[in-house]
Amino acid sequence: VRVRRRELQNALEKALAALAPVYRSALVLRELDGLAYEEIAQILGCSTGTVKSRLFRARAQMRDLLWEEHREW
């Protein structure tokens, strides 16, 4: 179980690092820091619509990257 958890953590970190910085920052602020869309928009200096769009793209890219790396999961 620990090995699998470590593998998953490494895969997540690798996929996160592969994201474009604008997507990575939005995703980290939302999913890790738990900020609201409006707070993220203020920090990044963009609209809430842009934040939502970046999060959608970031999640899609993370899903694709993780799928490519670990299809057997």
Protein backbone atom coordinates (compact mmCIF):
# COMPACT_ATOMS: atom_id res chain seq x y z
CA VAL A 1 0.00 0.00 0.00
CA ARG A 2 2.81 2.42 0.85
CA VAL A 3 4.59 1.68 -2.41
CA ARG A 4 1.41 2.29 -4.40
CA ARG A 5 0.76 5.53 -2.51
CA ARG A 6 4.32 6.70 -3.17
CA GLU A 7 3.98 5.82 -6.86
CA LEU A 8 0.74 7.77 -7.07
CA GLN A 9 2.27 10.77 -5.30
CA ASN A 10 5.25 10.73 -7.67
CA ALA A 11 2.94 10.46 -10.68
CA LEU A 12 0.84 13.39 -9.46
CA GLU A 13 3.92 15.54 -8.84
CA LYS A 14 5.32 14.70 -12.27
CA ALA A 15 2.02 15.49 -14.00
CA LEU A 16 1.65 18.73 -12.06
CA ALA A 17 5.18 19.78 -13.03
CA ALA A 18 4.35 19.12 -16.68
CA LEU A 19 1.47 21.62 -16.70
CA ALA A 20 1.93 25.11 -18.07
CA PRO A 21 2.53 27.55 -15.20
CA VAL A 22 -0.83 29.33 -15.64
CA TYR A 23 -2.67 26.02 -15.32
CA ARG A 24 -0.50 24.75 -12.48
CA SER A 25 -0.92 27.90 -10.39
CA ALA A 26 -4.71 27.89 -10.77
CA LEU A 27 -4.91 24.19 -9.91
CA VAL A 28 -2.67 24.49 -6.85
CA LEU A 29 -4.55 27.51 -5.53
CA ARG A 30 -7.88 25.72 -5.93
CA GLU A 31 -7.15 22.09 -5.05
CA LEU A 32 -4.30 22.39 -2.56
CA ASP A 33 -4.93 25.80 -1.02
CA GLY A 34 -8.73 25.54 -1.24
CA LEU A 35 -9.27 29.07 -2.51
CA ALA A 36 -12.50 30.24 -4.14
CA TYR A 37 -12.59 31.14 -7.83
CA GLU A 38 -12.85 34.82 -6.97
CA GLU A 39 -9.80 34.69 -4.72
CA ILE A 40 -7.80 32.90 -7.40
CA ALA A 41 -8.87 35.46 -9.99
CA GLN A 42 -7.72 38.28 -7.75
CA ILE A 43 -4.35 36.63 -7.09
CA LEU A 44 -3.75 35.80 -10.76
CA GLY A 45 -5.13 39.10 -12.04
CA CYS A 46 -7.75 37.57 -14.34
CA SER A 47 -11.49 36.98 -14.45
CA THR A 48 -13.29 34.15 -12.68
CA GLY A 49 -14.24 32.80 -16.11
CA THR A 50 -10.55 32.58 -17.00
CA VAL A 51 -9.87 30.78 -13.72
CA LYS A 52 -12.61 28.24 -14.46
CA SER A 53 -11.28 27.73 -17.96
CA ARG A 54 -7.72 27.22 -16.71
CA LEU A 55 -8.91 24.75 -14.09
CA PHE A 56 -10.87 22.79 -16.67
CA ARG A 57 -7.83 22.58 -18.93
CA ALA A 58 -5.47 21.78 -16.04
CA ARG A 59 -7.67 18.92 -14.85
CA ALA A 60 -8.01 17.55 -18.37
CA GLN A 61 -4.25 17.66 -18.90
CA MET A 62 -3.61 16.03 -15.51
CA ARG A 63 -6.06 13.26 -16.39
CA ASP A 64 -4.41 12.70 -19.77
CA LEU A 65 -0.89 12.74 -18.34
CA LEU A 66 -1.78 10.31 -15.58
CA TRP A 67 -3.62 8.04 -18.02
CA GLU A 68 -0.60 7.90 -20.32
CA GLU A 69 1.75 7.09 -17.47
CA HIS A 70 -0.38 4.62 -15.57
CA ARG A 71 -3.00 2.94 -17.74
CA GLU A 72 -2.88 -0.16 -15.56
CA TRP A 73 -4.22 1.74 -12.52
